[in-house]
N, C-alpha and C. Protein backbone atom coordinates (compact mmCIF):
# COMPACT_ATOMS: atom_id res chain seq x y z
N MET A 1 27.09 -18.51 -6.22
CA MET A 1 27.09 -19.70 -6.34
C MET A 1 26.65 -20.73 -5.59
N TYR A 2 25.57 -21.64 -5.81
CA TYR A 2 25.27 -22.47 -5.25
C TYR A 2 25.76 -23.74 -5.05
N ILE A 3 25.84 -24.28 -4.33
CA ILE A 3 26.47 -25.69 -4.27
C ILE A 3 25.37 -26.79 -3.26
N LEU A 4 24.65 -27.61 -4.09
CA LEU A 4 23.82 -28.41 -3.27
C LEU A 4 24.64 -30.13 -2.71
N SER A 5 24.66 -30.14 -1.71
CA SER A 5 25.50 -31.25 -1.26
C SER A 5 24.47 -32.18 -0.57
N TYR A 6 24.10 -33.59 -1.01
CA TYR A 6 23.44 -34.01 -0.28
C TYR A 6 24.26 -34.99 0.68
N ILE A 7 23.74 -34.92 1.90
CA ILE A 7 24.71 -35.88 2.96
C ILE A 7 23.80 -36.68 3.74
N PRO A 8 23.72 -37.93 3.87
CA PRO A 8 23.02 -38.91 4.40
C PRO A 8 23.10 -38.92 5.93
N PRO A 9 22.37 -39.18 7.06
CA PRO A 9 22.51 -39.88 8.35
C PRO A 9 23.85 -40.38 8.60
N ILE A 10 25.25 -39.51 9.41
CA ILE A 10 26.04 -40.37 9.41
C ILE A 10 26.92 -40.30 10.93
N ARG A 11 27.36 -41.11 10.93
CA ARG A 11 28.31 -41.20 12.22
C ARG A 11 29.40 -41.02 11.58
N PHE A 12 30.09 -40.45 12.51
CA PHE A 12 31.50 -40.14 11.94
C PHE A 12 32.43 -40.81 12.51
N GLY A 13 31.95 -41.31 13.80
CA GLY A 13 33.28 -42.19 14.20
C GLY A 13 34.55 -42.00 14.16
N ASP A 14 35.64 -42.36 13.77
CA ASP A 14 36.93 -42.18 13.91
C ASP A 14 37.16 -40.66 12.95
N PHE A 15 36.28 -40.11 12.00
CA PHE A 15 36.51 -38.62 11.19
C PHE A 15 36.95 -37.82 12.20
N LYS A 16 38.01 -37.18 11.81
CA LYS A 16 37.89 -35.99 12.39
C LYS A 16 37.66 -34.78 11.47
N THR A 17 37.40 -34.71 10.51
CA THR A 17 37.48 -33.68 9.72
C THR A 17 36.58 -34.51 8.47
N PHE A 18 35.60 -33.50 8.19
CA PHE A 18 34.58 -33.28 7.02
C PHE A 18 34.64 -32.32 5.78
N THR A 19 35.13 -32.78 4.57
CA THR A 19 35.62 -31.68 3.87
C THR A 19 34.30 -31.60 2.31
N ILE A 20 33.69 -30.42 2.76
CA ILE A 20 32.80 -30.38 1.05
C ILE A 20 33.42 -29.28 0.14
N PHE A 21 33.73 -29.95 -0.88
CA PHE A 21 34.68 -29.64 -2.49
C PHE A 21 33.19 -28.79 -3.28
N SER A 22 34.03 -27.82 -4.00
CA SER A 22 33.07 -27.47 -4.86
C SER A 22 32.98 -28.40 -6.45
N LEU A 23 32.50 -27.54 -7.34
CA LEU A 23 32.71 -28.86 -8.75
C LEU A 23 33.69 -28.77 -9.54
N ASN A 24 34.75 -27.60 -9.07
CA ASN A 24 36.31 -27.94 -9.58
C ASN A 24 37.15 -28.35 -8.61
N LEU A 25 36.29 -29.59 -7.93
CA LEU A 25 37.47 -29.91 -6.71
C LEU A 25 38.29 -29.02 -5.88
N GLN A 26 37.97 -27.77 -5.64
CA GLN A 26 38.29 -27.04 -4.34
C GLN A 26 37.87 -27.07 -3.03
N PRO A 27 38.87 -27.22 -2.46
CA PRO A 27 38.11 -27.65 -0.64
C PRO A 27 37.17 -25.86 -0.16
N ILE A 28 35.99 -26.33 -0.28
CA ILE A 28 35.03 -25.05 0.38
C ILE A 28 35.14 -24.94 1.83
N LEU A 29 34.79 -25.96 2.59
CA LEU A 29 34.63 -26.18 3.63
C LEU A 29 35.10 -27.53 4.69
N SER A 30 35.42 -27.20 6.06
CA SER A 30 36.13 -28.16 6.42
C SER A 30 35.34 -28.15 8.09
N ILE A 31 34.70 -29.07 8.63
CA ILE A 31 33.93 -29.37 9.57
C ILE A 31 34.60 -30.47 10.49
N ASN A 32 35.12 -29.65 11.67
CA ASN A 32 35.75 -31.10 12.50
C ASN A 32 34.62 -31.37 13.57
N TYR A 33 34.82 -32.59 13.55
CA TYR A 33 34.10 -33.25 15.05
C TYR A 33 34.53 -34.14 15.66
N ASP A 34 34.34 -34.71 17.19
CA ASP A 34 35.05 -35.30 17.36
C ASP A 34 34.05 -36.71 16.98
N HIS A 35 34.67 -37.84 17.70
CA HIS A 35 33.42 -39.15 18.04
C HIS A 35 32.18 -39.38 18.03
N THR A 36 31.99 -38.20 18.81
CA THR A 36 30.65 -38.30 19.58
C THR A 36 29.47 -37.50 19.34
N HIS A 37 30.20 -36.82 17.65
CA HIS A 37 28.85 -35.83 16.98
C HIS A 37 28.43 -36.91 15.72
N MET A 38 26.84 -36.50 15.75
CA MET A 38 26.22 -37.53 15.00
C MET A 38 25.34 -36.42 14.02
N LEU A 39 25.53 -37.05 12.96
CA LEU A 39 24.27 -35.91 11.74
C LEU A 39 23.44 -36.82 11.39
N HIS A 40 22.14 -36.73 11.85
CA HIS A 40 20.77 -37.26 11.85
C HIS A 40 19.94 -36.25 11.41
N ASN A 41 19.56 -34.86 11.54
CA ASN A 41 18.85 -34.49 11.14
C ASN A 41 19.40 -33.59 10.09
N VAL A 42 20.47 -33.45 9.58
CA VAL A 42 21.23 -33.01 8.74
C VAL A 42 20.97 -33.67 7.47
N LEU A 43 20.39 -33.12 6.43
CA LEU A 43 19.66 -33.88 5.02
C LEU A 43 20.30 -33.22 3.65
N MET A 44 20.87 -32.14 4.03
CA MET A 44 21.50 -31.19 2.93
C MET A 44 22.30 -29.86 3.40
N ILE A 45 23.31 -29.66 2.75
CA ILE A 45 23.84 -28.55 2.82
C ILE A 45 24.29 -27.49 2.00
N CYS A 46 23.26 -26.31 1.92
CA CYS A 46 23.26 -25.56 1.22
C CYS A 46 24.39 -24.16 0.83
N LEU A 47 25.40 -24.14 0.09
CA LEU A 47 26.58 -23.47 0.50
C LEU A 47 25.97 -22.10 -0.54
N PHE A 48 26.78 -21.40 -0.45
CA PHE A 48 26.37 -19.98 -1.15
C PHE A 48 27.20 -18.86 -0.42
N MET A 49 28.00 -18.19 -1.59
CA MET A 49 28.41 -16.80 -1.15
C MET A 49 27.70 -15.72 -1.08
N ASP A 50 28.04 -14.96 0.07
CA ASP A 50 26.80 -14.21 0.36
C ASP A 50 27.73 -12.87 -0.63
N ASN A 51 27.50 -12.45 -1.26
CA ASN A 51 28.89 -11.24 -1.90
C ASN A 51 28.57 -9.74 -0.94
N SER A 52 27.12 -9.57 -0.94
CA SER A 52 27.31 -8.20 0.00
C SER A 52 28.21 -8.29 1.04
N VAL A 53 28.48 -9.82 2.35
CA VAL A 53 29.29 -9.27 3.25
C VAL A 53 30.78 -10.39 2.65
N ASN A 54 30.83 -10.59 1.97
CA ASN A 54 31.77 -11.57 1.29
C ASN A 54 32.23 -13.13 2.56
N LYS A 55 31.42 -13.66 2.50
CA LYS A 55 31.34 -14.68 3.59
C LYS A 55 30.42 -16.10 3.41
N LEU A 56 30.64 -17.10 3.80
CA LEU A 56 30.32 -18.08 2.86
C LEU A 56 29.22 -18.29 4.09
N VAL A 57 27.97 -18.90 3.59
CA VAL A 57 26.76 -19.12 4.69
C VAL A 57 26.58 -20.01 4.55
N ILE A 58 25.87 -21.43 5.32
CA ILE A 58 25.44 -22.57 5.82
C ILE A 58 24.02 -22.49 5.95
N TYR A 59 23.41 -23.66 5.78
CA TYR A 59 22.28 -23.48 5.67
C TYR A 59 22.09 -25.25 5.59
N THR A 60 21.66 -25.72 7.44
CA THR A 60 21.98 -27.19 7.43
C THR A 60 20.86 -28.10 7.33
N THR A 61 19.78 -27.30 8.07
CA THR A 61 18.14 -28.07 8.35
C THR A 61 17.64 -27.77 6.97
N LEU A 62 16.38 -28.99 6.84
CA LEU A 62 15.65 -29.37 5.37
C LEU A 62 14.51 -27.73 5.76
N GLN A 63 14.16 -27.26 7.05
CA GLN A 63 13.49 -26.30 6.96
C GLN A 63 14.16 -24.96 6.30
N GLN A 64 15.10 -24.97 6.91
CA GLN A 64 15.52 -23.88 6.02
C GLN A 64 15.80 -23.33 5.02
N GLN A 65 16.23 -24.90 4.38
CA GLN A 65 15.95 -24.65 3.38
C GLN A 65 14.61 -24.74 2.22
N GLN A 66 14.20 -25.29 2.68
CA GLN A 66 12.42 -24.87 2.35
C GLN A 66 12.27 -23.83 2.25
N THR A 67 12.29 -22.69 3.24
CA THR A 67 12.39 -21.59 3.82
C THR A 67 12.38 -20.69 2.66
N ILE A 68 14.04 -21.23 2.46
CA ILE A 68 14.99 -20.07 1.39
C ILE A 68 14.35 -20.30 -0.06
N VAL A 69 13.70 -21.73 -0.28
CA VAL A 69 13.48 -22.75 -1.92
C VAL A 69 12.33 -21.09 -1.84
N GLU A 70 11.74 -21.02 -1.11
CA GLU A 70 10.27 -20.47 -0.89
C GLU A 70 10.30 -19.28 -1.58
N GLN A 71 11.10 -18.11 -0.68
CA GLN A 71 11.27 -17.19 -0.69
C GLN A 71 12.19 -16.34 -2.38
N LEU A 72 12.99 -17.69 -2.81
CA LEU A 72 13.81 -17.20 -4.07
C LEU A 72 12.58 -17.62 -5.38
N ARG A 73 11.55 -18.36 -5.05
CA ARG A 73 10.48 -18.52 -6.11
C ARG A 73 9.35 -17.68 -5.82
N ARG A 74 9.12 -17.01 -4.55
CA ARG A 74 8.36 -16.06 -4.46
C ARG A 74 9.06 -14.54 -5.26
N GLU A 75 10.37 -14.61 -4.84
CA GLU A 75 11.07 -13.31 -5.57
C GLU A 75 11.30 -13.61 -7.50
N ALA A 76 11.32 -15.01 -7.73
CA ALA A 76 11.12 -14.96 -8.93
C ALA A 76 10.28 -14.74 -9.88
N SER A 77 8.88 -14.63 -8.95
CA SER A 77 7.88 -14.48 -9.67
C SER A 77 6.91 -13.51 -9.65
N ILE A 78 8.11 -12.27 -9.06
CA ILE A 78 7.88 -10.87 -9.30
C ILE A 78 7.51 -9.89 -10.56
N LYS A 79 6.43 -9.05 -10.86
CA LYS A 79 6.71 -8.85 -12.25
C LYS A 79 7.67 -8.08 -12.75
N ARG A 80 8.85 -7.75 -13.15
CA ARG A 80 9.79 -7.06 -13.34
C ARG A 80 9.16 -5.96 -14.53
N LEU A 81 9.35 -4.79 -13.74
CA LEU A 81 8.74 -3.56 -15.32
C LEU A 81 10.79 -2.64 -15.21
N PRO A 82 10.76 -2.33 -16.16
CA PRO A 82 11.53 -1.17 -16.62
C PRO A 82 11.65 -0.28 -15.65
N LEU A 83 12.85 0.32 -15.53
CA LEU A 83 13.49 1.36 -14.47
C LEU A 83 12.13 2.34 -15.09
N SER A 84 12.47 3.10 -16.43
CA SER A 84 11.91 3.95 -17.01
C SER A 84 10.55 4.11 -16.89
N VAL A 85 10.13 2.87 -16.56
CA VAL A 85 8.15 3.07 -16.69
C VAL A 85 7.85 3.14 -14.85
N VAL A 86 9.05 2.85 -14.10
CA VAL A 86 8.68 2.80 -12.83
C VAL A 86 9.31 4.40 -12.20
N ILE A 87 9.82 5.11 -12.84
CA ILE A 87 10.31 6.22 -12.68
C ILE A 87 8.54 7.08 -13.08
N ASP A 88 8.09 6.60 -14.20
CA ASP A 88 7.43 7.23 -15.01
C ASP A 88 6.28 7.27 -14.02
N ASP A 89 5.59 5.99 -13.20
CA ASP A 89 4.66 6.34 -12.56
C ASP A 89 4.85 6.65 -11.10
N ILE A 90 5.81 6.48 -10.64
CA ILE A 90 6.61 7.82 -9.30
C ILE A 90 6.19 9.17 -9.41
N LYS A 91 7.01 9.23 -10.87
CA LYS A 91 6.09 10.91 -10.93
C LYS A 91 4.47 10.98 -11.15
N GLN A 92 4.09 10.35 -11.70
CA GLN A 92 2.03 10.74 -11.79
C GLN A 92 2.07 10.38 -10.55
N TYR A 93 2.70 9.20 -9.64
CA TYR A 93 1.33 9.63 -8.01
C TYR A 93 2.59 11.21 -7.32
N ILE A 94 3.36 11.51 -7.59
CA ILE A 94 3.87 12.55 -7.18
C ILE A 94 2.79 13.57 -7.31
N LEU A 95 3.11 13.93 -8.73
CA LEU A 95 2.22 14.54 -9.25
C LEU A 95 0.51 14.88 -8.73
N HIS A 96 0.06 13.66 -8.60
CA HIS A 96 -1.40 13.68 -8.47
C HIS A 96 -2.05 13.88 -6.57
N HIS A 97 -0.80 13.67 -5.94
CA HIS A 97 -0.83 13.56 -4.38
C HIS A 97 -0.41 14.87 -4.07
N GLN A 98 0.10 15.93 -4.58
CA GLN A 98 1.40 16.78 -4.19
C GLN A 98 0.36 17.59 -3.33
N HIS A 99 -1.06 17.87 -3.61
CA HIS A 99 -2.22 18.89 -3.19
C HIS A 99 -2.07 18.10 -1.84
N GLU A 100 -1.89 16.98 -0.91
CA GLU A 100 -2.25 16.21 -0.26
C GLU A 100 -0.64 16.37 0.73
N ASP A 101 0.35 16.54 0.20
CA ASP A 101 1.66 17.21 0.63
C ASP A 101 1.58 18.04 1.44
N CYS A 102 2.05 17.78 2.78
CA CYS A 102 1.92 19.13 3.78
C CYS A 102 3.37 20.11 3.40
N LEU A 103 4.29 19.16 3.21
CA LEU A 103 5.55 19.61 2.84
C LEU A 103 5.48 20.96 1.73
N ILE A 104 4.33 20.89 1.45
CA ILE A 104 4.17 21.32 -0.14
C ILE A 104 3.14 22.65 -0.13
N VAL A 105 2.12 22.27 0.88
CA VAL A 105 0.69 23.02 0.86
C VAL A 105 0.60 23.60 2.21
N GLY A 106 1.43 22.85 2.93
CA GLY A 106 1.73 23.66 4.72
C GLY A 106 0.63 22.93 5.39
N PHE A 107 0.11 23.34 6.31
CA PHE A 107 -0.66 22.96 7.10
C PHE A 107 -1.94 23.88 7.43
N SER A 108 -3.46 23.10 7.33
CA SER A 108 -4.42 24.12 7.45
C SER A 108 -4.53 24.67 8.97
N SER A 109 -3.96 24.60 9.82
CA SER A 109 -3.80 25.45 11.21
C SER A 109 -2.55 24.22 11.87
N GLN A 110 -1.93 25.21 12.91
CA GLN A 110 -1.07 24.64 13.55
C GLN A 110 -1.60 23.48 14.53
N LYS A 111 -2.29 23.43 15.07
CA LYS A 111 -2.96 22.16 15.63
C LYS A 111 -2.93 21.13 14.79
N ALA A 112 -3.25 21.49 13.74
CA ALA A 112 -2.63 20.28 12.74
C ALA A 112 -1.34 19.34 12.71
N ASN A 113 -0.73 20.05 12.94
CA ASN A 113 1.04 19.90 12.47
C ASN A 113 1.34 19.17 13.91
N PRO A 114 1.66 17.36 13.36
CA PRO A 114 2.15 16.48 14.23
C PRO A 114 3.49 17.04 14.73
N PHE A 115 4.40 17.88 14.18
CA PHE A 115 6.05 18.25 14.49
C PHE A 115 6.10 19.88 15.42
N ARG A 116 4.52 20.19 15.47
CA ARG A 116 5.00 21.71 16.11
C ARG A 116 5.43 21.63 17.38
N GLU A 117 6.24 22.91 17.80
CA GLU A 117 6.35 22.83 19.20
C GLU A 117 5.43 22.72 19.90
N LYS A 118 6.23 21.86 20.96
CA LYS A 118 5.02 21.67 22.23
C LYS A 118 5.16 22.77 23.14
N SER A 119 3.82 23.40 23.69
CA SER A 119 3.76 24.46 24.49
C SER A 119 4.56 24.07 25.84
N VAL A 120 5.43 25.33 26.03
CA VAL A 120 6.11 24.77 27.68
C VAL A 120 5.83 25.25 28.78
N CYS A 121 5.68 24.73 30.09
CA CYS A 121 5.12 25.08 31.10
C CYS A 121 6.50 25.72 31.54
N GLU A 122 5.87 26.99 32.13
CA GLU A 122 6.96 27.71 32.43
C GLU A 122 6.40 27.73 34.34
N ILE A 123 7.65 27.80 35.47
CA ILE A 123 7.12 27.92 36.76
C ILE A 123 7.86 29.06 37.54
N LEU A 124 7.43 29.85 37.82
CA LEU A 124 7.76 31.43 38.07
C LEU A 124 8.48 31.17 39.28
């Protein structure tokens, strides 16, 4: 759920709490301030629920929001393919490159194996 709320530069003065409401007028977030705080550089607050960790994420600076929008645009422009097509591509890649796979064909010599046991220096 995305909620964009424009907040002009405000001096809270005597306000002790600033509350942000959802579209159905449910309080989402309350921010407590004392009389000395000012919001000069906060242009917009972007709130959304991060379902993976079930918490509210807040992005307050314009630069953070621009970064998020750019990332969302990059993700939206990615060409989507059906899963069956992707699986077929992976199968074809595996079949064409199996002769290079050391787990299938082994190593040409023991020295070519980067995972071989190192020689042990024994002092008598």
